[in-house]
N, C-alpha and C. Protein backbone atom coordinates (compact mmCIF):
# COMPACT_ATOMS: atom_id res chain seq x y z
N MET A 1 -4.30 -0.68 -29.42
CA MET A 1 -3.07 -0.02 -29.79
C MET A 1 -1.93 -0.63 -28.99
N PRO A 2 -0.74 -0.69 -29.56
CA PRO A 2 0.39 -1.31 -28.87
C PRO A 2 0.91 -0.43 -27.75
N ALA A 3 1.50 -1.08 -26.78
CA ALA A 3 2.16 -0.33 -25.70
C ALA A 3 3.49 0.19 -26.23
N ASN A 4 3.95 1.29 -25.68
CA ASN A 4 5.21 1.86 -26.10
C ASN A 4 6.35 0.96 -25.61
N PRO A 5 7.10 0.34 -26.52
CA PRO A 5 8.15 -0.59 -26.12
C PRO A 5 9.42 0.10 -25.65
N ILE A 6 9.50 1.40 -25.78
CA ILE A 6 10.72 2.13 -25.43
C ILE A 6 10.49 2.95 -24.17
N SER A 7 11.34 2.76 -23.19
CA SER A 7 11.25 3.52 -21.95
C SER A 7 11.57 4.99 -22.22
N ARG A 8 10.82 5.88 -21.57
CA ARG A 8 11.07 7.30 -21.76
C ARG A 8 12.43 7.72 -21.22
N SER A 9 13.04 6.89 -20.38
CA SER A 9 14.36 7.22 -19.84
C SER A 9 15.49 6.63 -20.69
N SER A 10 15.13 5.91 -21.74
CA SER A 10 16.12 5.30 -22.62
C SER A 10 16.64 6.29 -23.65
N THR A 11 17.89 6.09 -24.10
CA THR A 11 18.43 6.94 -25.16
C THR A 11 17.72 6.67 -26.49
N GLU A 12 17.07 5.51 -26.63
CA GLU A 12 16.29 5.22 -27.83
C GLU A 12 15.13 6.19 -28.00
N TRP A 13 14.68 6.78 -26.89
CA TRP A 13 13.54 7.69 -26.92
C TRP A 13 13.80 8.89 -27.82
N ILE A 14 15.08 9.31 -27.95
CA ILE A 14 15.39 10.49 -28.76
C ILE A 14 15.59 10.14 -30.24
N GLY A 15 15.61 8.87 -30.58
CA GLY A 15 15.77 8.45 -31.97
C GLY A 15 14.47 8.52 -32.73
N PRO A 16 14.47 7.99 -33.94
CA PRO A 16 13.26 8.03 -34.77
C PRO A 16 12.17 7.13 -34.20
N ALA A 17 10.93 7.46 -34.50
CA ALA A 17 9.81 6.62 -34.07
C ALA A 17 9.90 5.27 -34.77
N ALA A 18 9.50 4.21 -34.07
CA ALA A 18 9.62 2.86 -34.62
C ALA A 18 8.27 2.18 -34.81
N SER A 19 7.19 2.75 -34.28
CA SER A 19 5.86 2.19 -34.47
C SER A 19 4.82 3.30 -34.41
N SER A 20 3.62 2.98 -34.92
CA SER A 20 2.58 4.00 -34.96
C SER A 20 1.21 3.36 -34.71
N PHE A 21 0.24 4.21 -34.41
CA PHE A 21 -1.13 3.74 -34.23
C PHE A 21 -2.08 4.88 -34.57
N ASP A 22 -3.25 4.53 -35.07
CA ASP A 22 -4.28 5.52 -35.37
C ASP A 22 -4.91 5.99 -34.07
N ILE A 23 -5.14 7.29 -33.97
CA ILE A 23 -5.78 7.86 -32.79
C ILE A 23 -7.20 8.28 -33.18
N THR A 24 -8.16 7.70 -32.50
CA THR A 24 -9.56 8.07 -32.68
C THR A 24 -9.97 8.93 -31.49
N PRO A 25 -10.35 10.17 -31.73
CA PRO A 25 -10.77 11.02 -30.61
C PRO A 25 -11.90 10.38 -29.81
N HIS A 26 -11.83 10.53 -28.48
CA HIS A 26 -12.81 9.93 -27.59
C HIS A 26 -12.99 10.83 -26.38
N ALA A 27 -14.14 10.78 -25.76
CA ALA A 27 -14.43 11.64 -24.61
C ALA A 27 -13.56 11.33 -23.40
N THR A 28 -13.22 10.04 -23.16
CA THR A 28 -12.49 9.69 -21.94
C THR A 28 -11.30 8.77 -22.12
N ASN A 29 -11.18 8.07 -23.25
CA ASN A 29 -10.09 7.10 -23.43
C ASN A 29 -8.72 7.75 -23.37
N THR A 30 -7.76 7.02 -22.81
CA THR A 30 -6.36 7.45 -22.80
C THR A 30 -5.52 6.34 -23.44
N PHE A 31 -4.26 6.66 -23.72
CA PHE A 31 -3.35 5.69 -24.30
C PHE A 31 -1.95 5.95 -23.77
N THR A 32 -1.03 5.05 -24.09
CA THR A 32 0.37 5.20 -23.69
C THR A 32 0.91 6.50 -24.29
N PRO A 33 1.68 7.27 -23.54
CA PRO A 33 2.18 8.55 -24.06
C PRO A 33 2.93 8.40 -25.39
N THR A 34 2.60 9.27 -26.31
CA THR A 34 3.23 9.25 -27.63
C THR A 34 4.61 9.92 -27.58
N ARG A 35 5.40 9.71 -28.63
CA ARG A 35 6.64 10.45 -28.84
C ARG A 35 6.39 11.58 -29.82
N LYS A 36 5.54 11.31 -30.80
CA LYS A 36 5.21 12.27 -31.85
C LYS A 36 3.78 12.03 -32.28
N ILE A 37 3.21 13.02 -32.95
CA ILE A 37 1.93 12.85 -33.63
C ILE A 37 2.00 13.55 -34.97
N ILE A 38 1.10 13.15 -35.86
CA ILE A 38 0.96 13.77 -37.17
C ILE A 38 -0.51 13.67 -37.56
N CYS A 39 -0.98 14.57 -38.39
CA CYS A 39 -2.37 14.47 -38.86
C CYS A 39 -2.41 14.68 -40.37
N ALA A 40 -3.39 14.06 -41.01
CA ALA A 40 -3.56 14.18 -42.45
C ALA A 40 -4.34 15.43 -42.82
N GLY A 41 -5.25 15.82 -41.94
CA GLY A 41 -6.07 17.00 -42.19
C GLY A 41 -5.88 18.03 -41.10
N ALA A 42 -5.49 19.24 -41.47
CA ALA A 42 -5.23 20.31 -40.50
C ALA A 42 -6.46 20.62 -39.67
N GLY A 43 -6.23 21.10 -38.46
CA GLY A 43 -7.34 21.49 -37.59
C GLY A 43 -6.90 21.61 -36.15
N THR A 44 -7.87 21.61 -35.29
CA THR A 44 -7.63 21.74 -33.85
C THR A 44 -7.53 20.37 -33.22
N LEU A 45 -6.64 20.22 -32.25
CA LEU A 45 -6.49 18.99 -31.49
C LEU A 45 -6.74 19.31 -30.03
N ALA A 46 -7.79 18.74 -29.47
CA ALA A 46 -8.06 18.85 -28.03
C ALA A 46 -7.40 17.64 -27.39
N CYS A 47 -6.34 17.86 -26.62
CA CYS A 47 -5.55 16.74 -26.12
C CYS A 47 -5.11 16.95 -24.68
N ARG A 48 -4.58 15.89 -24.10
CA ARG A 48 -4.01 15.93 -22.75
C ARG A 48 -2.54 15.55 -22.86
N PHE A 49 -1.65 16.45 -22.44
CA PHE A 49 -0.23 16.15 -22.42
C PHE A 49 0.06 15.14 -21.31
N ALA A 50 1.11 14.35 -21.49
CA ALA A 50 1.43 13.26 -20.57
C ALA A 50 1.58 13.71 -19.12
N ASN A 51 2.13 14.89 -18.88
CA ASN A 51 2.37 15.33 -17.50
C ASN A 51 1.41 16.41 -17.02
N ASP A 52 0.34 16.65 -17.76
CA ASP A 52 -0.62 17.68 -17.38
C ASP A 52 -1.88 17.07 -16.75
N SER A 53 -2.61 17.90 -16.05
CA SER A 53 -3.87 17.44 -15.44
C SER A 53 -5.08 18.09 -16.11
N ALA A 54 -4.84 18.88 -17.14
CA ALA A 54 -5.94 19.53 -17.86
C ALA A 54 -5.69 19.41 -19.36
N ASP A 55 -6.77 19.46 -20.13
CA ASP A 55 -6.66 19.37 -21.59
C ASP A 55 -6.18 20.70 -22.18
N ARG A 56 -5.59 20.61 -23.36
CA ARG A 56 -5.11 21.76 -24.12
C ARG A 56 -5.69 21.70 -25.52
N SER A 57 -5.74 22.83 -26.16
CA SER A 57 -6.19 22.90 -27.55
C SER A 57 -5.03 23.40 -28.39
N LEU A 58 -4.66 22.63 -29.40
CA LEU A 58 -3.55 22.98 -30.29
C LEU A 58 -4.06 23.09 -31.72
N THR A 59 -3.43 23.92 -32.51
CA THR A 59 -3.75 24.01 -33.93
C THR A 59 -2.64 23.30 -34.69
N LEU A 60 -3.02 22.29 -35.47
CA LEU A 60 -2.06 21.47 -36.20
C LEU A 60 -2.14 21.71 -37.70
N LEU A 61 -1.01 21.62 -38.36
CA LEU A 61 -0.94 21.66 -39.81
C LEU A 61 -0.84 20.23 -40.33
N ALA A 62 -1.42 19.95 -41.46
CA ALA A 62 -1.36 18.61 -42.04
C ALA A 62 0.06 18.25 -42.45
N GLY A 63 0.46 17.01 -42.17
CA GLY A 63 1.74 16.50 -42.62
C GLY A 63 2.94 16.90 -41.79
N VAL A 64 2.74 17.62 -40.71
CA VAL A 64 3.85 18.04 -39.85
C VAL A 64 3.95 17.09 -38.66
N GLU A 65 5.16 16.57 -38.39
CA GLU A 65 5.38 15.73 -37.21
C GLU A 65 5.59 16.65 -36.01
N TYR A 66 4.76 16.46 -35.00
CA TYR A 66 4.87 17.24 -33.77
C TYR A 66 5.48 16.36 -32.69
N ASN A 67 6.59 16.80 -32.12
CA ASN A 67 7.28 16.05 -31.07
C ASN A 67 6.62 16.34 -29.74
N ILE A 68 5.46 15.73 -29.53
CA ILE A 68 4.73 15.96 -28.28
C ILE A 68 4.31 14.62 -27.69
N SER A 69 4.26 14.58 -26.38
CA SER A 69 3.86 13.39 -25.66
C SER A 69 2.47 13.61 -25.09
N ILE A 70 1.47 13.00 -25.72
CA ILE A 70 0.09 13.15 -25.28
C ILE A 70 -0.47 11.79 -24.87
N ILE A 71 -1.51 11.82 -24.03
CA ILE A 71 -2.13 10.58 -23.56
C ILE A 71 -3.61 10.48 -23.94
N ALA A 72 -4.17 11.54 -24.53
CA ALA A 72 -5.58 11.51 -24.91
C ALA A 72 -5.85 12.54 -25.99
N VAL A 73 -6.81 12.22 -26.84
CA VAL A 73 -7.34 13.17 -27.82
C VAL A 73 -8.85 13.17 -27.62
N ARG A 74 -9.39 14.32 -27.32
CA ARG A 74 -10.81 14.45 -27.02
C ARG A 74 -11.64 14.66 -28.28
N VAL A 75 -12.81 14.05 -28.31
CA VAL A 75 -13.69 14.19 -29.46
C VAL A 75 -14.25 15.61 -29.54
N THR A 76 -14.60 16.17 -28.39
CA THR A 76 -15.11 17.55 -28.36
C THR A 76 -13.94 18.51 -28.50
N GLY A 77 -13.98 19.32 -29.53
CA GLY A 77 -12.92 20.29 -29.76
C GLY A 77 -11.87 19.88 -30.76
N THR A 78 -11.90 18.63 -31.22
CA THR A 78 -10.92 18.16 -32.20
C THR A 78 -11.53 18.20 -33.60
N THR A 79 -10.87 18.95 -34.49
CA THR A 79 -11.30 19.00 -35.89
C THR A 79 -10.24 18.44 -36.83
N ALA A 80 -9.01 18.23 -36.34
CA ALA A 80 -7.96 17.61 -37.15
C ALA A 80 -8.38 16.19 -37.48
N THR A 81 -7.97 15.70 -38.64
CA THR A 81 -8.34 14.34 -39.06
C THR A 81 -7.11 13.53 -39.39
N GLY A 82 -7.30 12.21 -39.44
CA GLY A 82 -6.19 11.33 -39.79
C GLY A 82 -5.05 11.41 -38.79
N ILE A 83 -5.37 11.40 -37.51
CA ILE A 83 -4.36 11.59 -36.45
C ILE A 83 -3.65 10.27 -36.20
N VAL A 84 -2.33 10.31 -36.18
CA VAL A 84 -1.51 9.13 -35.94
C VAL A 84 -0.54 9.43 -34.81
N GLY A 85 -0.45 8.52 -33.85
CA GLY A 85 0.52 8.62 -32.77
C GLY A 85 1.71 7.74 -33.08
N MET A 86 2.89 8.15 -32.63
CA MET A 86 4.11 7.37 -32.89
C MET A 86 4.89 7.16 -31.61
N TYR A 87 5.55 5.99 -31.55
CA TYR A 87 6.44 5.64 -30.43
C TYR A 87 7.85 5.53 -30.93
């Protein structure tokens, strides 16, 4: 997956997302913090927020862009499908 080309301290960070990547849930893998996420199939997302030290469980609706910065999606506890991260 590509690295986020936009600094979180940049004014570009508040603009529209300019790139995306597929997120495959995994037990330990992390990635560059997202700006947004979306999923094709509604369900639960077990994830780690960029500034947190513990995982959270969120309920997502299909087709909704969520303005959240996450660094991991866990395989255990995730039922949402077609998850895409955006920068």
